[in-house]
Amino acid sequence: SPMQMLLAKALLLYSSCLVRAHFQLASGATAGPRYADMQSALDVLDITRSQSADRVALCDHPFFWVKFMAPPNYKLMVGGVVPVIERFWDTRVAAAVIGPGLTGGEAAKLPQAIQDQVPTGMGAYAIPGHPDQSTCHFLEDRVSLFSYKSVGAEAAPFATHFDWPTKRCHYHEEWAGSDMWVVQDKHVELAAPGLHYIVFWPPGDQVLGPPTATAKFGAVFGDVGQSEAFHGAMAPISDCVQTHNQFNENDCHAGGGEADA
């Protein structure tokens, strides 16, 4: 019946809406000295849910740090996205997880600025960026595998249009109104419970190198399967905050020109 069809459609919309509703850690894109080093790392209340934060990486403060308390035997999901903006076509997101007993993932290749901050008694696990973004070959999390597809520019209606040289792993966020390239998706087994840090940055060589250019990116992290929970307050934002629309630089005519009035 038409009613059942409508209901089925509504349920489908509802489930696709749920797919990527991360808890937003700040009410805008942060930039500047706050959260730019281990000392000022953003304190994450609950690592057992999915969360995200938008960051504008500036030359003086290119890194984004968060800290959290891990439960025992925890597997962490770490991801990264880049807003669909032509000048950030080559931007990738690398990360390092820092905590007790962590090794591997070419930690020796981490930028010196990160290595210098690793506390005594902690190790680091490096998560390199992926230069080849023409497919979603690097996805690990099952929710990511279900949600993200390799597509062309026509799949990004909110973004200011340009011709993409290749297809890209992409997510269209209908509800908040954004299009993003998905560039990182990794599972990391933590070695011990307790205090941990994650640092994200846009690697100059697209792998693990130090940052060499300004960038915009989103840090995504939390539990495997990206479960949702929306308790707790947002973090204080830095002075240099950008709103959702400023960060995404959306084409205000996207979606059929209703803004032409």
Protein backbone atom coordinates (compact mmCIF):
# COMPACT_ATOMS: atom_id res chain seq x y z
CA SER A 1 0.00 0.00 0.00
CA PRO A 2 1.13 3.64 -0.42
CA MET A 3 1.13 3.96 3.35
CA GLN A 4 3.51 1.03 3.76
CA MET A 5 5.75 2.47 1.04
CA LEU A 6 5.88 5.79 2.88
CA LEU A 7 6.66 4.06 6.14
CA ALA A 8 9.42 2.00 4.52
CA LYS A 9 10.90 5.17 3.03
CA ALA A 10 10.75 6.96 6.37
CA LEU A 11 12.50 4.06 8.09
CA LEU A 12 15.19 4.02 5.42
CA LEU A 13 15.77 7.75 5.82
CA TYR A 14 15.88 7.31 9.58
CA SER A 15 18.47 4.54 9.40
CA SER A 16 20.65 6.46 6.92
CA CYS A 17 20.45 9.46 9.21
CA LEU A 18 21.71 7.33 12.08
CA VAL A 19 24.70 6.06 10.19
CA ARG A 20 26.91 9.07 10.76
CA ALA A 21 25.55 11.00 13.69
CA HIS A 22 28.76 11.44 15.65
CA PHE A 23 28.74 13.46 18.84
CA GLN A 24 30.19 16.83 17.85
CA LEU A 25 32.93 17.68 20.35
CA ALA A 26 32.82 21.43 19.68
CA SER A 27 30.17 23.73 18.25
CA GLY A 28 32.30 24.76 15.28
CA ALA A 29 35.68 24.14 13.69
CA THR A 30 38.51 24.92 16.10
CA ALA A 31 41.84 26.48 15.15
CA GLY A 32 44.81 28.08 16.85
CA PRO A 33 46.72 27.14 20.01
CA ARG A 34 43.90 25.43 21.91
CA TYR A 35 44.02 21.65 21.30
CA ALA A 36 47.21 22.09 19.21
CA ASP A 37 49.53 20.18 21.58
CA MET A 38 49.44 17.49 24.25
CA GLN A 39 49.23 20.03 27.09
CA SER A 40 46.02 21.54 25.72
CA ALA A 41 44.46 18.31 24.37
CA LEU A 42 40.67 18.30 24.19
CA ASP A 43 39.32 16.15 27.03
CA VAL A 44 36.98 13.48 25.65
CA LEU A 45 34.30 12.46 28.13
CA ASP A 46 33.36 9.07 26.68
CA ILE A 47 35.54 7.15 24.23
CA THR A 48 32.96 4.33 23.91
CA ARG A 49 30.82 6.29 21.43
CA SER A 50 31.48 7.85 18.06
CA GLN A 51 32.53 11.50 18.01
CA SER A 52 34.01 14.02 15.67
CA ALA A 53 35.57 17.47 15.62
CA ASP A 54 36.32 19.81 12.74
CA ARG A 55 39.73 21.44 12.67
CA VAL A 56 41.33 24.23 10.66
CA ALA A 57 45.06 23.42 10.57
CA LEU A 58 47.07 26.64 10.40
CA CYS A 59 50.83 26.90 9.84
CA ASP A 60 51.58 27.75 13.48
CA HIS A 61 49.15 25.18 14.90
CA PRO A 62 48.70 22.31 12.44
CA PHE A 63 48.07 19.48 14.94
CA PHE A 64 44.84 18.55 16.73
CA TRP A 65 45.11 16.66 20.04
CA VAL A 66 42.48 14.85 22.12
CA LYS A 67 42.83 12.79 25.29
CA PHE A 68 40.62 10.09 26.82
CA MET A 69 40.46 7.34 29.43
CA ALA A 70 40.33 3.88 27.82
CA PRO A 71 38.52 0.92 29.35
CA PRO A 72 40.32 -2.47 29.51
CA ASN A 73 40.79 -4.49 26.28
CA TYR A 74 39.61 -1.64 24.11
CA LYS A 75 39.70 -1.45 20.33
CA LEU A 76 39.65 2.14 19.08
CA MET A 77 38.28 3.39 15.76
CA VAL A 78 40.17 6.35 14.26
CA GLY A 79 38.99 8.12 11.11
CA GLY A 80 39.40 11.33 9.18
CA VAL A 81 37.44 13.36 6.64
CA VAL A 82 38.13 16.43 4.50
CA PRO A 83 35.42 18.84 3.33
CA VAL A 84 34.86 18.75 -0.44
CA ILE A 85 36.76 21.93 -1.38
CA GLU A 86 38.95 22.02 -4.46
CA ARG A 87 42.09 23.37 -2.82
CA PHE A 88 42.04 20.48 -0.29
CA TRP A 89 41.90 17.77 -2.98
CA ASP A 90 45.36 16.56 -1.88
CA THR A 91 44.74 16.82 1.89
CA ARG A 92 44.98 13.57 3.82
CA VAL A 93 44.63 12.86 7.56
CA ALA A 94 47.27 10.98 9.54
CA ALA A 95 47.01 10.19 13.24
CA ALA A 96 48.96 8.74 16.12
CA VAL A 97 47.53 7.03 19.19
CA ILE A 98 49.70 7.55 22.27
CA GLY A 99 49.35 5.43 25.39
CA PRO A 100 50.89 2.75 27.61
CA GLY A 101 52.42 -0.18 25.75
CA LEU A 102 51.63 1.07 22.24
CA THR A 103 54.10 0.38 19.42
CA GLY A 104 54.07 -0.23 15.70
CA GLY A 105 52.66 1.40 12.62
CA GLU A 106 56.03 3.03 11.88
CA ALA A 107 56.06 5.18 15.02
CA ALA A 108 59.67 6.15 14.27
CA LYS A 109 58.42 8.07 11.21
CA LEU A 110 56.13 10.35 13.21
CA PRO A 111 56.89 14.07 12.97
CA GLN A 112 59.48 15.14 15.54
CA ALA A 113 56.97 17.61 17.00
CA ILE A 114 54.83 14.60 18.04
CA GLN A 115 57.69 12.31 19.13
CA ASP A 116 59.00 15.07 21.42
CA GLN A 117 55.73 15.09 23.37
CA VAL A 118 55.29 11.35 24.00
CA PRO A 119 55.44 10.99 27.81
CA THR A 120 57.82 8.61 29.55
CA GLY A 121 56.11 5.25 29.98
CA MET A 122 53.94 5.68 26.89
CA GLY A 123 54.40 4.53 23.32
CA ALA A 124 52.91 5.59 20.01
CA TYR A 125 51.05 3.82 17.23
CA ALA A 126 51.24 5.64 13.88
CA ILE A 127 48.31 5.70 11.43
CA PRO A 128 49.59 6.88 8.03
CA GLY A 129 47.48 8.77 5.53
CA HIS A 130 46.44 7.10 2.26
CA PRO A 131 47.67 8.85 -0.90
CA ASP A 132 45.43 6.75 -3.19
CA GLN A 133 41.89 7.96 -2.61
CA SER A 134 40.33 6.81 -5.90
CA THR A 135 38.49 3.99 -4.07
CA CYS A 136 37.48 3.21 -0.48
CA HIS A 137 40.09 0.42 -0.25
CA PHE A 138 41.38 1.57 3.17
CA LEU A 139 38.09 1.33 5.10
CA GLU A 140 38.08 -1.05 8.09
CA ASP A 141 35.06 -0.21 10.23
CA ARG A 142 31.87 -2.05 9.26
CA VAL A 143 29.76 1.10 9.53
CA SER A 144 32.20 2.93 7.28
CA LEU A 145 32.14 0.08 4.76
CA PHE A 146 28.34 0.28 4.73
CA SER A 147 28.15 4.09 4.58
CA TYR A 148 30.89 5.35 2.24
CA LYS A 149 31.13 4.91 -1.52
CA SER A 150 33.60 5.83 -4.23
CA VAL A 151 31.79 8.40 -6.39
CA GLY A 152 32.26 11.42 -8.64
CA ALA A 153 31.53 15.11 -8.13
CA GLU A 154 27.82 14.71 -8.93
CA ALA A 155 27.40 12.98 -5.55
CA ALA A 156 28.44 16.15 -3.67
CA PRO A 157 25.59 18.65 -4.26
CA PHE A 158 26.33 20.90 -1.29
CA ALA A 159 29.94 21.51 -2.28
CA THR A 160 31.03 24.21 -4.70
CA HIS A 161 31.33 22.21 -7.92
CA PHE A 162 34.59 21.42 -9.69
CA ASP A 163 35.69 18.51 -11.89
CA TRP A 164 37.24 15.79 -9.75
CA PRO A 165 40.31 14.22 -11.41
CA THR A 166 39.24 10.78 -10.08
CA LYS A 167 36.44 9.25 -8.10
CA ARG A 168 36.74 9.69 -4.33
CA CYS A 169 35.64 7.88 -1.20
CA HIS A 170 32.87 10.22 -0.08
CA TYR A 171 30.00 10.81 2.32
CA HIS A 172 27.03 13.10 1.71
CA GLU A 173 25.65 14.40 5.02
CA GLU A 174 22.12 15.49 4.18
CA TRP A 175 20.99 16.63 7.61
CA ALA A 176 23.72 19.06 8.64
CA GLY A 177 24.37 19.88 5.00
CA SER A 178 27.89 18.87 4.04
CA ASP A 179 29.88 16.76 1.61
CA MET A 180 33.12 15.18 2.74
CA TRP A 181 35.88 13.02 1.39
CA VAL A 182 36.57 10.12 3.72
CA VAL A 183 40.35 9.76 3.92
CA GLN A 184 41.11 7.67 7.02
CA ASP A 185 39.51 4.67 8.77
CA LYS A 186 41.49 2.46 11.13
CA HIS A 187 41.06 0.11 14.10
CA VAL A 188 43.72 0.16 16.84
CA GLU A 189 43.96 -2.40 19.66
CA LEU A 190 44.97 -0.56 22.83
CA ALA A 191 47.52 -2.33 25.00
CA ALA A 192 46.28 -1.14 28.40
CA PRO A 193 43.46 0.86 30.01
CA GLY A 194 43.87 4.43 31.25
CA LEU A 195 45.00 7.74 29.81
CA HIS A 196 45.57 7.93 26.04
CA TYR A 197 46.00 10.67 23.45
CA ILE A 198 45.25 10.88 19.74
CA VAL A 199 46.88 13.50 17.55
CA PHE A 200 45.61 14.23 14.02
CA TRP A 201 47.33 16.26 11.29
CA PRO A 202 47.45 16.77 7.50
CA PRO A 203 50.74 15.09 6.48
CA GLY A 204 52.77 17.04 3.94
CA ASP A 205 53.68 13.84 2.08
CA GLN A 206 50.10 12.43 2.43
CA VAL A 207 51.51 9.64 4.64
CA LEU A 208 53.17 10.54 7.99
CA GLY A 209 55.29 13.59 7.20
CA PRO A 210 55.07 16.89 9.05
CA PRO A 211 52.38 19.32 7.88
CA THR A 212 53.49 21.64 5.06
CA ALA A 213 50.27 23.47 4.19
CA THR A 214 47.12 24.78 5.80
CA ALA A 215 44.16 22.39 5.69
CA LYS A 216 40.66 21.67 6.91
CA PHE A 217 39.79 18.23 8.20
CA GLY A 218 37.48 16.37 10.52
CA ALA A 219 38.79 14.01 13.20
CA VAL A 220 36.51 11.01 13.81
CA PHE A 221 37.09 8.48 16.58
CA GLY A 222 35.52 6.27 19.23
CA ASP A 223 34.29 2.71 19.35
CA VAL A 224 34.29 0.05 16.64
CA GLY A 225 30.89 0.23 14.96
CA GLN A 226 30.56 3.97 15.70
CA SER A 227 27.72 3.82 18.22
CA GLU A 228 25.75 6.93 19.01
CA ALA A 229 25.27 8.74 22.28
CA PHE A 230 24.75 12.43 22.85
CA HIS A 231 25.32 13.00 26.57
CA GLY A 232 27.66 15.62 27.95
CA ALA A 233 28.57 19.18 27.03
CA MET A 234 30.49 20.40 24.01
CA ALA A 235 34.08 21.50 24.55
CA PRO A 236 34.87 25.21 24.76
CA ILE A 237 35.79 26.52 21.33
CA SER A 238 38.93 28.45 20.59
CA ASP A 239 38.98 32.11 19.55
CA CYS A 240 39.42 31.27 15.87
CA VAL A 241 36.28 29.21 15.42
CA GLN A 242 34.52 28.70 12.09
CA THR A 243 30.82 27.89 11.83
CA HIS A 244 29.65 24.77 9.99
CA ASN A 245 29.02 26.76 6.79
CA GLN A 246 32.33 28.65 6.94
CA PHE A 247 34.19 25.39 7.47
CA ASN A 248 32.49 23.56 4.59
CA GLU A 249 32.42 26.56 2.23
CA ASN A 250 29.21 25.19 0.77
CA ASP A 251 27.74 26.50 -2.45
CA CYS A 252 24.73 28.42 -1.16
CA HIS A 253 22.87 27.60 -4.39
CA ALA A 254 23.17 23.87 -3.89
CA GLY A 255 19.97 21.91 -3.74
CA GLY A 256 17.92 23.67 -6.37
CA GLY A 257 18.38 27.39 -5.98
CA GLU A 258 15.87 28.05 -3.24
CA ALA A 259 18.28 30.68 -1.93
CA ASP A 260 17.96 32.76 -5.11
CA ALA A 261 15.13 34.91 -3.77
